[in-house]
Amino acid sequence: MKTNSPQGRNIATAIGIYLIIKSVLNMAIGGGLNISSLLIAVGGAVVLFSGMQFVNFVVAGILLIVAVVHLPSNISNLGNNWIYLIEGIIDIVCAVFLVTKDDIKEHFTNKWTELSDIFSNK
């Protein structure tokens, strides 16, 4: 797997793993199996690992939108939703890292036209 910043890829991969853990945790707390949420989280983890150009902005935008949409209800019902508030804060931190941290930005410089080369072992 080609990367321009191993440290950036490691951080992006950690954020991807967080997305999967968050999805599984929400299924456990919610008491139901949500395959679509899990597939979206796994897809997010895969694109974060790939380092394809601009996907960090897409994932960061989705994290921010989800956090901001749920923030009012998590704050107003803090006694029952404190874990979701913590998730929202972590989502915001991850989104900021994805667009501001130099190592992570360097990881996301793989061109879409070179997609076949990224997954080769050359």
N, C-alpha and C. Protein backbone atom coordinates (compact mmCIF):
# COMPACT_ATOMS: atom_id res chain seq x y z
N MET A 1 0.84 -1.17 0.00
CA MET A 1 0.00 0.00 0.00
C MET A 1 0.89 1.23 0.00
N LYS A 2 0.65 2.11 -0.94
CA LYS A 2 1.44 3.32 -1.07
C LYS A 2 0.90 4.40 -0.11
N THR A 3 1.82 5.05 0.57
CA THR A 3 1.44 6.19 1.38
C THR A 3 2.57 7.20 1.33
N ASN A 4 2.24 8.45 1.48
CA ASN A 4 3.24 9.51 1.49
C ASN A 4 3.63 9.89 2.91
N SER A 5 2.91 9.37 3.89
CA SER A 5 3.20 9.66 5.28
C SER A 5 2.74 8.48 6.14
N PRO A 6 3.66 7.61 6.55
CA PRO A 6 3.25 6.48 7.39
C PRO A 6 2.57 6.93 8.69
N GLN A 7 3.06 8.00 9.30
CA GLN A 7 2.43 8.47 10.54
C GLN A 7 1.02 8.98 10.25
N GLY A 8 0.85 9.68 9.13
CA GLY A 8 -0.49 10.15 8.75
C GLY A 8 -1.44 9.01 8.49
N ARG A 9 -0.92 7.95 7.83
CA ARG A 9 -1.76 6.77 7.58
C ARG A 9 -2.14 6.10 8.90
N ASN A 10 -1.21 6.03 9.85
CA ASN A 10 -1.51 5.41 11.14
C ASN A 10 -2.59 6.18 11.87
N ILE A 11 -2.52 7.50 11.84
CA ILE A 11 -3.55 8.31 12.51
C ILE A 11 -4.89 8.17 11.79
N ALA A 12 -4.86 8.20 10.46
CA ALA A 12 -6.10 8.03 9.68
C ALA A 12 -6.70 6.64 9.93
N THR A 13 -5.86 5.63 10.03
CA THR A 13 -6.34 4.28 10.32
C THR A 13 -6.95 4.22 11.72
N ALA A 14 -6.33 4.88 12.68
CA ALA A 14 -6.89 4.92 14.04
C ALA A 14 -8.27 5.59 14.04
N ILE A 15 -8.43 6.64 13.25
CA ILE A 15 -9.74 7.29 13.14
C ILE A 15 -10.74 6.33 12.50
N GLY A 16 -10.30 5.59 11.49
CA GLY A 16 -11.17 4.59 10.86
C GLY A 16 -11.60 3.50 11.83
N ILE A 17 -10.67 3.04 12.65
CA ILE A 17 -11.00 2.03 13.66
C ILE A 17 -11.98 2.62 14.67
N TYR A 18 -11.79 3.89 15.03
CA TYR A 18 -12.73 4.55 15.93
C TYR A 18 -14.14 4.54 15.33
N LEU A 19 -14.25 4.80 14.02
CA LEU A 19 -15.57 4.81 13.37
C LEU A 19 -16.25 3.45 13.50
N ILE A 20 -15.48 2.38 13.34
CA ILE A 20 -16.05 1.03 13.45
C ILE A 20 -16.46 0.75 14.89
N ILE A 21 -15.60 1.08 15.84
CA ILE A 21 -15.92 0.87 17.26
C ILE A 21 -17.15 1.67 17.65
N LYS A 22 -17.23 2.90 17.17
CA LYS A 22 -18.38 3.76 17.46
C LYS A 22 -19.67 3.14 16.93
N SER A 23 -19.62 2.59 15.73
CA SER A 23 -20.80 1.96 15.15
C SER A 23 -21.24 0.74 15.96
N VAL A 24 -20.28 -0.09 16.35
CA VAL A 24 -20.60 -1.28 17.14
C VAL A 24 -21.13 -0.87 18.52
N LEU A 25 -20.53 0.13 19.13
CA LEU A 25 -20.99 0.63 20.43
C LEU A 25 -22.41 1.16 20.34
N ASN A 26 -22.70 1.92 19.28
CA ASN A 26 -24.05 2.45 19.12
C ASN A 26 -25.07 1.34 18.89
N MET A 27 -24.66 0.26 18.21
CA MET A 27 -25.56 -0.88 18.05
C MET A 27 -25.81 -1.56 19.40
N ALA A 28 -24.76 -1.67 20.21
CA ALA A 28 -24.90 -2.31 21.52
C ALA A 28 -25.79 -1.48 22.44
N ILE A 29 -25.58 -0.18 22.44
CA ILE A 29 -26.38 0.70 23.30
C ILE A 29 -27.82 0.78 22.79
N GLY A 30 -27.97 0.85 21.46
CA GLY A 30 -29.29 0.96 20.87
C GLY A 30 -30.08 -0.33 20.90
N GLY A 31 -29.40 -1.43 21.15
CA GLY A 31 -30.07 -2.70 21.28
C GLY A 31 -30.47 -3.34 19.97
N GLY A 32 -29.88 -2.92 18.86
CA GLY A 32 -30.25 -3.52 17.59
C GLY A 32 -29.09 -3.60 16.64
N LEU A 33 -29.23 -4.46 15.66
CA LEU A 33 -28.20 -4.64 14.65
C LEU A 33 -28.47 -3.68 13.50
N ASN A 34 -27.50 -2.82 13.20
CA ASN A 34 -27.64 -1.85 12.13
C ASN A 34 -26.51 -2.07 11.14
N ILE A 35 -26.76 -2.94 10.18
CA ILE A 35 -25.73 -3.33 9.22
C ILE A 35 -25.31 -2.15 8.35
N SER A 36 -26.26 -1.30 7.94
CA SER A 36 -25.90 -0.18 7.08
C SER A 36 -24.95 0.77 7.78
N SER A 37 -25.16 1.04 9.05
CA SER A 37 -24.25 1.89 9.81
C SER A 37 -22.86 1.27 9.90
N LEU A 38 -22.83 -0.02 10.12
CA LEU A 38 -21.55 -0.72 10.21
C LEU A 38 -20.82 -0.70 8.86
N LEU A 39 -21.56 -0.91 7.77
CA LEU A 39 -20.94 -0.88 6.45
C LEU A 39 -20.40 0.51 6.11
N ILE A 40 -21.12 1.54 6.50
CA ILE A 40 -20.65 2.91 6.28
C ILE A 40 -19.37 3.16 7.08
N ALA A 41 -19.33 2.69 8.31
CA ALA A 41 -18.13 2.86 9.14
C ALA A 41 -16.94 2.11 8.55
N VAL A 42 -17.16 0.89 8.09
CA VAL A 42 -16.08 0.11 7.47
C VAL A 42 -15.63 0.80 6.18
N GLY A 43 -16.57 1.30 5.40
CA GLY A 43 -16.22 2.03 4.18
C GLY A 43 -15.40 3.27 4.49
N GLY A 44 -15.79 3.99 5.54
CA GLY A 44 -15.02 5.15 5.97
C GLY A 44 -13.61 4.78 6.37
N ALA A 45 -13.48 3.67 7.08
CA ALA A 45 -12.15 3.21 7.50
C ALA A 45 -11.29 2.85 6.29
N VAL A 46 -11.90 2.21 5.30
CA VAL A 46 -11.15 1.82 4.11
C VAL A 46 -10.67 3.04 3.33
N VAL A 47 -11.55 4.03 3.12
CA VAL A 47 -11.13 5.21 2.37
C VAL A 47 -10.11 6.03 3.15
N LEU A 48 -10.20 6.03 4.47
CA LEU A 48 -9.19 6.74 5.26
C LEU A 48 -7.84 6.04 5.12
N PHE A 49 -7.84 4.73 5.11
CA PHE A 49 -6.60 3.98 4.95
C PHE A 49 -5.99 4.19 3.57
N SER A 50 -6.84 4.33 2.56
CA SER A 50 -6.36 4.42 1.17
C SER A 50 -5.54 5.69 0.92
N GLY A 51 -5.85 6.77 1.58
CA GLY A 51 -5.12 8.01 1.37
C GLY A 51 -5.47 8.71 0.07
N MET A 52 -6.62 8.38 -0.49
CA MET A 52 -7.03 9.02 -1.74
C MET A 52 -7.28 10.51 -1.50
N GLN A 53 -6.92 11.28 -2.49
CA GLN A 53 -7.00 12.72 -2.40
C GLN A 53 -8.42 13.19 -2.10
N PHE A 54 -8.55 14.06 -1.15
CA PHE A 54 -9.77 14.75 -0.73
C PHE A 54 -10.76 13.92 0.09
N VAL A 55 -10.56 12.60 0.26
CA VAL A 55 -11.53 11.84 1.04
C VAL A 55 -11.48 12.24 2.51
N ASN A 56 -10.34 12.78 2.96
CA ASN A 56 -10.28 13.26 4.34
C ASN A 56 -11.29 14.38 4.57
N PHE A 57 -11.49 15.24 3.57
CA PHE A 57 -12.47 16.32 3.71
C PHE A 57 -13.89 15.78 3.74
N VAL A 58 -14.16 14.75 2.94
CA VAL A 58 -15.49 14.14 2.92
C VAL A 58 -15.81 13.50 4.27
N VAL A 59 -14.88 12.70 4.78
CA VAL A 59 -15.11 12.03 6.06
C VAL A 59 -15.22 13.06 7.18
N ALA A 60 -14.36 14.08 7.15
CA ALA A 60 -14.42 15.13 8.17
C ALA A 60 -15.76 15.86 8.11
N GLY A 61 -16.25 16.14 6.91
CA GLY A 61 -17.55 16.80 6.77
C GLY A 61 -18.68 15.97 7.33
N ILE A 62 -18.66 14.67 7.04
CA ILE A 62 -19.71 13.78 7.56
C ILE A 62 -19.65 13.73 9.09
N LEU A 63 -18.44 13.62 9.64
CA LEU A 63 -18.29 13.60 11.11
C LEU A 63 -18.83 14.88 11.73
N LEU A 64 -18.50 16.02 11.12
CA LEU A 64 -18.98 17.30 11.67
C LEU A 64 -20.49 17.43 11.57
N ILE A 65 -21.05 17.04 10.45
CA ILE A 65 -22.51 17.14 10.28
C ILE A 65 -23.22 16.28 11.31
N VAL A 66 -22.78 15.05 11.49
CA VAL A 66 -23.41 14.15 12.46
C VAL A 66 -23.28 14.73 13.88
N ALA A 67 -22.11 15.24 14.21
CA ALA A 67 -21.89 15.79 15.56
C ALA A 67 -22.77 17.02 15.79
N VAL A 68 -22.83 17.92 14.83
CA VAL A 68 -23.60 19.16 15.00
C VAL A 68 -25.10 18.88 15.04
N VAL A 69 -25.58 17.96 14.22
CA VAL A 69 -27.01 17.63 14.20
C VAL A 69 -27.46 17.07 15.55
N HIS A 70 -26.63 16.23 16.16
CA HIS A 70 -27.01 15.59 17.42
C HIS A 70 -26.60 16.37 18.67
N LEU A 71 -25.80 17.40 18.51
CA LEU A 71 -25.29 18.14 19.66
C LEU A 71 -26.40 18.75 20.54
N PRO A 72 -27.41 19.42 19.99
CA PRO A 72 -28.43 20.00 20.87
C PRO A 72 -29.16 18.98 21.74
N SER A 73 -29.54 17.85 21.16
CA SER A 73 -30.26 16.85 21.96
C SER A 73 -29.34 16.18 22.97
N ASN A 74 -28.06 16.03 22.64
CA ASN A 74 -27.12 15.43 23.58
C ASN A 74 -26.85 16.36 24.76
N ILE A 75 -26.83 17.65 24.51
CA ILE A 75 -26.61 18.61 25.60
C ILE A 75 -27.86 18.75 26.45
N SER A 76 -29.04 18.83 25.81
CA SER A 76 -30.27 19.04 26.57
C SER A 76 -30.67 17.83 27.40
N ASN A 77 -30.22 16.66 27.00
CA ASN A 77 -30.56 15.44 27.73
C ASN A 77 -29.27 14.78 28.24
N LEU A 78 -28.42 15.59 28.86
CA LEU A 78 -27.08 15.18 29.23
C LEU A 78 -27.06 13.97 30.17
N GLY A 79 -28.01 13.85 31.04
CA GLY A 79 -28.03 12.73 31.98
C GLY A 79 -28.10 11.39 31.30
N ASN A 80 -28.84 11.31 30.21
CA ASN A 80 -28.99 10.05 29.49
C ASN A 80 -28.07 9.92 28.28
N ASN A 81 -27.58 11.04 27.79
CA ASN A 81 -26.83 11.03 26.54
C ASN A 81 -25.37 11.43 26.69
N TRP A 82 -24.80 11.31 27.86
CA TRP A 82 -23.42 11.76 28.06
C TRP A 82 -22.43 11.01 27.17
N ILE A 83 -22.68 9.72 26.92
CA ILE A 83 -21.76 8.96 26.07
C ILE A 83 -21.83 9.46 24.63
N TYR A 84 -23.03 9.87 24.19
CA TYR A 84 -23.17 10.41 22.84
C TYR A 84 -22.52 11.78 22.73
N LEU A 85 -22.55 12.55 23.80
CA LEU A 85 -21.87 13.84 23.82
C LEU A 85 -20.36 13.64 23.69
N ILE A 86 -19.83 12.65 24.39
CA ILE A 86 -18.40 12.34 24.28
C ILE A 86 -18.07 11.90 22.85
N GLU A 87 -18.92 11.08 22.26
CA GLU A 87 -18.73 10.66 20.86
C GLU A 87 -18.69 11.87 19.95
N GLY A 88 -19.61 12.80 20.17
CA GLY A 88 -19.66 14.01 19.34
C GLY A 88 -18.39 14.84 19.46
N ILE A 89 -17.89 14.95 20.66
CA ILE A 89 -16.64 15.69 20.86
C ILE A 89 -15.49 14.99 20.16
N ILE A 90 -15.42 13.67 20.28
CA ILE A 90 -14.37 12.91 19.59
C ILE A 90 -14.53 13.05 18.07
N ASP A 91 -15.77 13.04 17.57
CA ASP A 91 -16.02 13.23 16.14
C ASP A 91 -15.46 14.57 15.67
N ILE A 92 -15.69 15.61 16.44
CA ILE A 92 -15.21 16.94 16.06
C ILE A 92 -13.68 16.98 16.07
N VAL A 93 -13.07 16.40 17.09
CA VAL A 93 -11.60 16.36 17.15
C VAL A 93 -11.04 15.59 15.96
N CYS A 94 -11.64 14.46 15.63
CA CYS A 94 -11.17 13.67 14.48
C CYS A 94 -11.31 14.47 13.18
N ALA A 95 -12.44 15.16 13.03
CA ALA A 95 -12.65 15.96 11.82
C ALA A 95 -11.61 17.06 11.70
N VAL A 96 -11.31 17.72 12.80
CA VAL A 96 -10.30 18.78 12.78
C VAL A 96 -8.93 18.19 12.42
N PHE A 97 -8.59 17.06 13.01
CA PHE A 97 -7.32 16.41 12.69
C PHE A 97 -7.24 16.07 11.21
N LEU A 98 -8.32 15.54 10.65
CA LEU A 98 -8.31 15.11 9.25
C LEU A 98 -8.03 16.25 8.28
N VAL A 99 -8.37 17.47 8.65
CA VAL A 99 -8.17 18.58 7.71
C VAL A 99 -7.04 19.53 8.11
N THR A 100 -6.48 19.38 9.31
CA THR A 100 -5.46 20.34 9.73
C THR A 100 -4.09 19.73 10.01
N LYS A 101 -4.02 18.50 10.42
CA LYS A 101 -2.74 17.90 10.81
C LYS A 101 -1.92 17.58 9.56
N ASP A 102 -0.70 18.10 9.52
CA ASP A 102 0.13 18.00 8.32
C ASP A 102 0.41 16.56 7.90
N ASP A 103 0.71 15.69 8.86
CA ASP A 103 0.98 14.29 8.51
C ASP A 103 -0.23 13.63 7.85
N ILE A 104 -1.39 13.93 8.37
CA ILE A 104 -2.61 13.35 7.80
C ILE A 104 -2.87 13.93 6.42
N LYS A 105 -2.72 15.22 6.26
CA LYS A 105 -2.93 15.84 4.94
C LYS A 105 -1.96 15.28 3.91
N GLU A 106 -0.74 14.99 4.32
CA GLU A 106 0.25 14.42 3.41
C GLU A 106 -0.14 13.00 3.00
N HIS A 107 -0.76 12.26 3.90
CA HIS A 107 -1.23 10.91 3.57
C HIS A 107 -2.29 10.95 2.48
N PHE A 108 -3.10 11.98 2.46
CA PHE A 108 -4.21 12.07 1.50
C PHE A 108 -3.80 12.81 0.23
N THR A 109 -2.68 12.37 -0.37
CA THR A 109 -2.23 12.98 -1.62
C THR A 109 -2.18 11.97 -2.76
N ASN A 110 -2.71 10.78 -2.56
CA ASN A 110 -2.76 9.78 -3.64
C ASN A 110 -3.80 10.21 -4.67
N LYS A 111 -3.39 10.28 -5.91
CA LYS A 111 -4.26 10.72 -7.00
C LYS A 111 -5.24 9.61 -7.39
N TRP A 112 -6.44 10.01 -7.74
CA TRP A 112 -7.46 9.04 -8.16
C TRP A 112 -7.07 8.37 -9.47
N THR A 113 -6.29 9.05 -10.30
CA THR A 113 -5.87 8.45 -11.56
C THR A 113 -4.85 7.34 -11.35
N GLU A 114 -4.24 7.30 -10.17
CA GLU A 114 -3.23 6.28 -9.85
C GLU A 114 -3.80 5.20 -8.94
N LEU A 115 -5.10 5.01 -8.96
CA LEU A 115 -5.76 4.08 -8.05
C LEU A 115 -5.20 2.67 -8.14
N SER A 116 -4.93 2.18 -9.32
CA SER A 116 -4.41 0.82 -9.46
C SER A 116 -2.99 0.69 -8.90
N ASP A 117 -2.20 1.76 -8.95
CA ASP A 117 -0.84 1.72 -8.43
C ASP A 117 -0.79 1.74 -6.90
N ILE A 118 -1.79 2.30 -6.29
CA ILE A 118 -1.79 2.46 -4.83
C ILE A 118 -1.85 1.11 -4.14
N PHE A 119 -2.59 0.19 -4.69
CA PHE A 119 -2.77 -1.11 -4.06
C PHE A 119 -1.78 -2.16 -4.54
N SER A 120 -0.85 -1.76 -5.40
CA SER A 120 0.17 -2.70 -5.85
C SER A 120 1.37 -2.64 -4.89
N ASN A 121 2.20 -3.63 -4.93
CA ASN A 121 3.37 -3.70 -4.04
C ASN A 121 4.64 -3.22 -4.72
N LYS A 122 4.54 -2.38 -5.71
CA LYS A 122 5.72 -1.90 -6.43
C LYS A 122 6.50 -0.92 -5.61
